[in-house]
Every structure is written in C-alpha cells, then in structure tokens.
Amino acid sequence: MLLPNPVGRAFVDFYYRVSPPVADFIARHEVLRTATRTVLTPIVARGKYPLLSASFSVPR
C-alpha cells in the first residue's frame, strides 16, 4: 500500500530504521511494556475480531 509513492516509501524506511531501537528500549522497561500492551490490545482485537468489536460500537 505505502511503497508505490515516495511519501509512503519514506515512512516505511523511517519505520524500519527507528522501530528496532524503540522496541529494544520498550522491552527493557516493564512500565513501557505494560503501557504498550494496554494501548495496542484493543487495536489488535479490532483487527483480529472485527465482527465482535462492531457489536460493541455505540449506535448513532
């Protein structure tokens, strides 16, 4: 999705350059690991179980 355009390629390059040191830093700190899991769990759950997460959405 991102690689066909220059901005997307720049973002992917940045991500691959920056994410390993950030992940190493987070891995060494329990508070950051817990915070990261807390933030990412609902995001991952929505991707993994879209029908279940849709059933909990607020009606308009």
PDB file of N, CA and C in Angstrom:
ATOM      1  N   MET A   1       0.810  -1.196   0.000  1.00  0.00           N
ATOM      2  CA  MET A   1       0.000   0.000   0.000  1.00  0.00           C
ATOM      3  C   MET A   1       0.860   1.270   0.000  1.00  0.00           C
ATOM      4  N   LEU A   2       1.867   1.300   0.849  1.00  0.00           N
ATOM      5  CA  LEU A   2       2.651   2.525   1.010  1.00  0.00           C
ATOM      6  C   LEU A   2       3.790   2.663   0.015  1.00  0.00           C
ATOM      7  N   LEU A   3       4.329   1.536  -0.426  1.00  0.00           N
ATOM      8  CA  LEU A   3       5.546   1.590  -1.234  1.00  0.00           C
ATOM      9  C   LEU A   3       5.412   2.221  -2.614  1.00  0.00           C
ATOM     10  N   PRO A   4       4.244   2.238  -3.238  1.00  0.00           N
ATOM     11  CA  PRO A   4       4.164   2.833  -4.573  1.00  0.00           C
ATOM     12  C   PRO A   4       4.397   4.349  -4.634  1.00  0.00           C
ATOM     13  N   ASN A   5       4.285   5.057  -3.501  1.00  0.00           N
ATOM     14  CA  ASN A   5       4.503   6.501  -3.584  1.00  0.00           C
ATOM     15  C   ASN A   5       5.674   6.934  -2.703  1.00  0.00           C
ATOM     16  N   PRO A   6       6.315   8.044  -3.020  1.00  0.00           N
ATOM     17  CA  PRO A   6       7.522   8.481  -2.313  1.00  0.00           C
ATOM     18  C   PRO A   6       7.311   8.748  -0.817  1.00  0.00           C
ATOM     19  N   VAL A   7       6.184   9.331  -0.453  1.00  0.00           N
ATOM     20  CA  VAL A   7       5.932   9.611   0.965  1.00  0.00           C
ATOM     21  C   VAL A   7       5.780   8.299   1.725  1.00  0.00           C
ATOM     22  N   GLY A   8       5.069   7.354   1.149  1.00  0.00           N
ATOM     23  CA  GLY A   8       4.901   6.051   1.777  1.00  0.00           C
ATOM     24  C   GLY A   8       6.224   5.326   1.937  1.00  0.00           C
ATOM     25  N   ARG A   9       7.054   5.364   0.903  1.00  0.00           N
ATOM     26  CA  ARG A   9       8.382   4.737   0.973  1.00  0.00           C
ATOM     27  C   ARG A   9       9.233   5.382   2.067  1.00  0.00           C
ATOM     28  N   ALA A  10       9.172   6.695   2.163  1.00  0.00           N
ATOM     29  CA  ALA A  10       9.937   7.400   3.202  1.00  0.00           C
ATOM     30  C   ALA A  10       9.459   6.976   4.593  1.00  0.00           C
ATOM     31  N   PHE A  11       8.146   6.834   4.759  1.00  0.00           N
ATOM     32  CA  PHE A  11       7.605   6.396   6.047  1.00  0.00           C
ATOM     33  C   PHE A  11       8.081   4.984   6.387  1.00  0.00           C
ATOM     34  N   VAL A  12       8.025   4.074   5.429  1.00  0.00           N
ATOM     35  CA  VAL A  12       8.464   2.694   5.652  1.00  0.00           C
ATOM     36  C   VAL A  12       9.957   2.666   5.991  1.00  0.00           C
ATOM     37  N   ASP A  13      10.759   3.419   5.269  1.00  0.00           N
ATOM     38  CA  ASP A  13      12.192   3.491   5.566  1.00  0.00           C
ATOM     39  C   ASP A  13      12.426   4.010   6.987  1.00  0.00           C
ATOM     40  N   PHE A  14      11.720   5.070   7.367  1.00  0.00           N
ATOM     41  CA  PHE A  14      11.821   5.621   8.715  1.00  0.00           C
ATOM     42  C   PHE A  14      11.423   4.582   9.759  1.00  0.00           C
ATOM     43  N   TYR A  15      10.314   3.908   9.514  1.00  0.00           N
ATOM     44  CA  TYR A  15       9.817   2.893  10.448  1.00  0.00           C
ATOM     45  C   TYR A  15      10.861   1.794  10.671  1.00  0.00           C
ATOM     46  N   TYR A  16      11.423   1.262   9.600  1.00  0.00           N
ATOM     47  CA  TYR A  16      12.400   0.180   9.734  1.00  0.00           C
ATOM     48  C   TYR A  16      13.707   0.653  10.368  1.00  0.00           C
ATOM     49  N   ARG A  17      14.020   1.904  10.251  1.00  0.00           N
ATOM     50  CA  ARG A  17      15.235   2.445  10.855  1.00  0.00           C
ATOM     51  C   ARG A  17      15.026   2.730  12.346  1.00  0.00           C
ATOM     52  N   VAL A  18      13.849   3.231  12.713  1.00  0.00           N
ATOM     53  CA  VAL A  18      13.599   3.696  14.072  1.00  0.00           C
ATOM     54  C   VAL A  18      12.987   2.624  14.976  1.00  0.00           C
ATOM     55  N   SER A  19      12.150   1.765  14.446  1.00  0.00           N
ATOM     56  CA  SER A  19      11.404   0.852  15.310  1.00  0.00           C
ATOM     57  C   SER A  19      12.261  -0.152  16.083  1.00  0.00           C
ATOM     58  N   PRO A  20      13.337  -0.732  15.529  1.00  0.00           N
ATOM     59  CA  PRO A  20      14.106  -1.685  16.353  1.00  0.00           C
ATOM     60  C   PRO A  20      14.695  -1.079  17.631  1.00  0.00           C
ATOM     61  N   PRO A  21      15.316   0.113  17.584  1.00  0.00           N
ATOM     62  CA  PRO A  21      15.809   0.668  18.854  1.00  0.00           C
ATOM     63  C   PRO A  21      14.679   1.033  19.820  1.00  0.00           C
ATOM     64  N   VAL A  22      13.557   1.499  19.288  1.00  0.00           N
ATOM     65  CA  VAL A  22      12.418   1.826  20.155  1.00  0.00           C
ATOM     66  C   VAL A  22      11.893   0.552  20.810  1.00  0.00           C
ATOM     67  N   ALA A  23      11.753  -0.527  20.042  1.00  0.00           N
ATOM     68  CA  ALA A  23      11.280  -1.800  20.588  1.00  0.00           C
ATOM     69  C   ALA A  23      12.247  -2.329  21.652  1.00  0.00           C
ATOM     70  N   ASP A  24      13.544  -2.212  21.422  1.00  0.00           N
ATOM     71  CA  ASP A  24      14.528  -2.641  22.424  1.00  0.00           C
ATOM     72  C   ASP A  24      14.390  -1.839  23.717  1.00  0.00           C
ATOM     73  N   PHE A  25      14.197  -0.542  23.581  1.00  0.00           N
ATOM     74  CA  PHE A  25      14.029   0.317  24.755  1.00  0.00           C
ATOM     75  C   PHE A  25      12.776  -0.078  25.536  1.00  0.00           C
ATOM     76  N   ILE A  26      11.667  -0.270  24.829  1.00  0.00           N
ATOM     77  CA  ILE A  26      10.415  -0.675  25.477  1.00  0.00           C
ATOM     78  C   ILE A  26      10.589  -2.026  26.164  1.00  0.00           C
ATOM     79  N   ALA A  27      11.269  -2.958  25.524  1.00  0.00           N
ATOM     80  CA  ALA A  27      11.463  -4.300  26.083  1.00  0.00           C
ATOM     81  C   ALA A  27      12.225  -4.279  27.400  1.00  0.00           C
ATOM     82  N   ARG A  28      13.066  -3.292  27.605  1.00  0.00           N
ATOM     83  CA  ARG A  28      13.867  -3.215  28.826  1.00  0.00           C
ATOM     84  C   ARG A  28      13.143  -2.532  29.985  1.00  0.00           C
ATOM     85  N   HIS A  29      11.946  -2.015  29.769  1.00  0.00           N
ATOM     86  CA  HIS A  29      11.229  -1.275  30.812  1.00  0.00           C
ATOM     87  C   HIS A  29       9.819  -1.839  30.992  1.00  0.00           C
ATOM     88  N   GLU A  30       9.577  -2.434  32.144  1.00  0.00           N
ATOM     89  CA  GLU A  30       8.281  -3.086  32.418  1.00  0.00           C
ATOM     90  C   GLU A  30       7.108  -2.123  32.270  1.00  0.00           C
ATOM     91  N   VAL A  31       7.244  -0.921  32.768  1.00  0.00           N
ATOM     92  CA  VAL A  31       6.144   0.054  32.686  1.00  0.00           C
ATOM     93  C   VAL A  31       5.802   0.343  31.216  1.00  0.00           C
ATOM     94  N   LEU A  32       6.809   0.501  30.398  1.00  0.00           N
ATOM     95  CA  LEU A  32       6.563   0.768  28.980  1.00  0.00           C
ATOM     96  C   LEU A  32       5.970  -0.442  28.269  1.00  0.00           C
ATOM     97  N   ARG A  33       6.420  -1.655  28.652  1.00  0.00           N
ATOM     98  CA  ARG A  33       5.829  -2.867  28.055  1.00  0.00           C
ATOM     99  C   ARG A  33       4.349  -2.937  28.390  1.00  0.00           C
ATOM    100  N   THR A  34       4.009  -2.691  29.640  1.00  0.00           N
ATOM    101  CA  THR A  34       2.606  -2.742  30.068  1.00  0.00           C
ATOM    102  C   THR A  34       1.790  -1.667  29.357  1.00  0.00           C
ATOM    103  N   ALA A  35       2.310  -0.462  29.280  1.00  0.00           N
ATOM    104  CA  ALA A  35       1.590   0.626  28.606  1.00  0.00           C
ATOM    105  C   ALA A  35       1.387   0.315  27.128  1.00  0.00           C
ATOM    106  N   THR A  36       2.416  -0.231  26.491  1.00  0.00           N
ATOM    107  CA  THR A  36       2.311  -0.570  25.070  1.00  0.00           C
ATOM    108  C   THR A  36       1.246  -1.634  24.849  1.00  0.00           C
ATOM    109  N   ARG A  37       1.243  -2.657  25.687  1.00  0.00           N
ATOM    110  CA  ARG A  37       0.212  -3.699  25.562  1.00  0.00           C
ATOM    111  C   ARG A  37      -1.181  -3.126  25.788  1.00  0.00           C
ATOM    112  N   THR A  38      -1.309  -2.241  26.766  1.00  0.00           N
ATOM    113  CA  THR A  38      -2.618  -1.637  27.065  1.00  0.00           C
ATOM    114  C   THR A  38      -3.141  -0.851  25.870  1.00  0.00           C
ATOM    115  N   VAL A  39      -2.260  -0.120  25.212  1.00  0.00           N
ATOM    116  CA  VAL A  39      -2.664   0.688  24.058  1.00  0.00           C
ATOM    117  C   VAL A  39      -2.941  -0.188  22.838  1.00  0.00           C
ATOM    118  N   LEU A  40      -2.108  -1.203  22.617  1.00  0.00           N
ATOM    119  CA  LEU A  40      -2.222  -1.999  21.390  1.00  0.00           C
ATOM    120  C   LEU A  40      -3.289  -3.091  21.442  1.00  0.00           C
ATOM    121  N   THR A  41      -3.626  -3.597  22.617  1.00  0.00           N
ATOM    122  CA  THR A  41      -4.589  -4.701  22.704  1.00  0.00           C
ATOM    123  C   THR A  41      -5.922  -4.394  22.027  1.00  0.00           C
ATOM    124  N   PRO A  42      -6.569  -3.259  22.298  1.00  0.00           N
ATOM    125  CA  PRO A  42      -7.846  -3.012  21.608  1.00  0.00           C
ATOM    126  C   PRO A  42      -7.687  -2.837  20.095  1.00  0.00           C
ATOM    127  N   ILE A  43      -6.570  -2.304  19.672  1.00  0.00           N
ATOM    128  CA  ILE A  43      -6.328  -2.117  18.238  1.00  0.00           C
ATOM    129  C   ILE A  43      -6.174  -3.467  17.557  1.00  0.00           C
ATOM    130  N   VAL A  44      -5.384  -4.349  18.162  1.00  0.00           N
ATOM    131  CA  VAL A  44      -5.185  -5.682  17.604  1.00  0.00           C
ATOM    132  C   VAL A  44      -6.490  -6.470  17.635  1.00  0.00           C
ATOM    133  N   ALA A  45      -7.239  -6.355  18.718  1.00  0.00           N
ATOM    134  CA  ALA A  45      -8.513  -7.074  18.833  1.00  0.00           C
ATOM    135  C   ALA A  45      -9.490  -6.641  17.738  1.00  0.00           C
ATOM    136  N   ARG A  46      -9.534  -5.365  17.434  1.00  0.00           N
ATOM    137  CA  ARG A  46     -10.424  -4.886  16.364  1.00  0.00           C
ATOM    138  C   ARG A  46     -10.030  -5.465  15.015  1.00  0.00           C
ATOM    139  N   GLY A  47      -8.728  -5.611  14.791  1.00  0.00           N
ATOM    140  CA  GLY A  47      -8.269  -6.201  13.540  1.00  0.00           C
ATOM    141  C   GLY A  47      -8.505  -7.698  13.485  1.00  0.00           C
ATOM    142  N   LYS A  48      -8.333  -8.363  14.611  1.00  0.00           N
ATOM    143  CA  LYS A  48      -8.464  -9.812  14.650  1.00  0.00           C
ATOM    144  C   LYS A  48      -9.929 -10.253  14.721  1.00  0.00           C
ATOM    145  N   TYR A  49     -10.751  -9.515  15.434  1.00  0.00           N
ATOM    146  CA  TYR A  49     -12.168  -9.861  15.618  1.00  0.00           C
ATOM    147  C   TYR A  49     -13.061  -8.686  15.232  1.00  0.00           C
ATOM    148  N   PRO A  50     -13.115  -8.325  13.955  1.00  0.00           N
ATOM    149  CA  PRO A  50     -13.871  -7.124  13.557  1.00  0.00           C
ATOM    150  C   PRO A  50     -15.368  -7.227  13.850  1.00  0.00           C
ATOM    151  N   LEU A  51     -15.950  -8.396  13.731  1.00  0.00           N
ATOM    152  CA  LEU A  51     -17.390  -8.523  13.993  1.00  0.00           C
ATOM    153  C   LEU A  51     -17.696  -8.356  15.469  1.00  0.00           C
ATOM    154  N   LEU A  52     -16.856  -8.895  16.326  1.00  0.00           N
ATOM    155  CA  LEU A  52     -17.051  -8.747  17.757  1.00  0.00           C
ATOM    156  C   LEU A  52     -16.903  -7.291  18.171  1.00  0.00           C
ATOM    157  N   SER A  53     -15.893  -6.616  17.661  1.00  0.00           N
ATOM    158  CA  SER A  53     -15.701  -5.218  18.043  1.00  0.00           C
ATOM    159  C   SER A  53     -16.819  -4.340  17.492  1.00  0.00           C
ATOM    160  N   ALA A  54     -17.404  -4.708  16.358  1.00  0.00           N
ATOM    161  CA  ALA A  54     -18.514  -3.937  15.796  1.00  0.00           C
ATOM    162  C   ALA A  54     -19.749  -4.042  16.697  1.00  0.00           C
ATOM    163  N   SER A  55     -19.908  -5.171  17.365  1.00  0.00           N
ATOM    164  CA  SER A  55     -21.078  -5.346  18.215  1.00  0.00           C
ATOM    165  C   SER A  55     -21.019  -4.465  19.468  1.00  0.00           C
ATOM    166  N   PHE A  56     -19.831  -3.958  19.784  1.00  0.00           N
ATOM    167  CA  PHE A  56     -19.673  -3.094  20.954  1.00  0.00           C
ATOM    168  C   PHE A  56     -19.633  -1.620  20.592  1.00  0.00           C
ATOM    169  N   SER A  57     -19.819  -1.295  19.331  1.00  0.00           N
ATOM    170  CA  SER A  57     -19.768   0.114  18.969  1.00  0.00           C
ATOM    171  C   SER A  57     -21.046   0.821  19.393  1.00  0.00           C
ATOM    172  N   VAL A  58     -20.895   2.089  19.621  1.00  0.00           N
ATOM    173  CA  VAL A  58     -22.008   2.914  20.072  1.00  0.00           C
ATOM    174  C   VAL A  58     -22.895   3.256  18.890  1.00  0.00           C
ATOM    175  N   PRO A  59     -24.202   3.001  18.978  1.00  0.00           N
ATOM    176  CA  PRO A  59     -25.092   3.345  17.863  1.00  0.00           C
ATOM    177  C   PRO A  59     -25.182   4.853  17.679  1.00  0.00           C
ATOM    178  N   ARG A  60     -25.417   5.253  16.461  1.00  0.00           N
ATOM    179  CA  ARG A  60     -25.516   6.697  16.154  1.00  0.00           C
ATOM    180  C   ARG A  60     -26.934   7.157  16.245  1.00  0.00           C
TER     181      ARG A  60
END
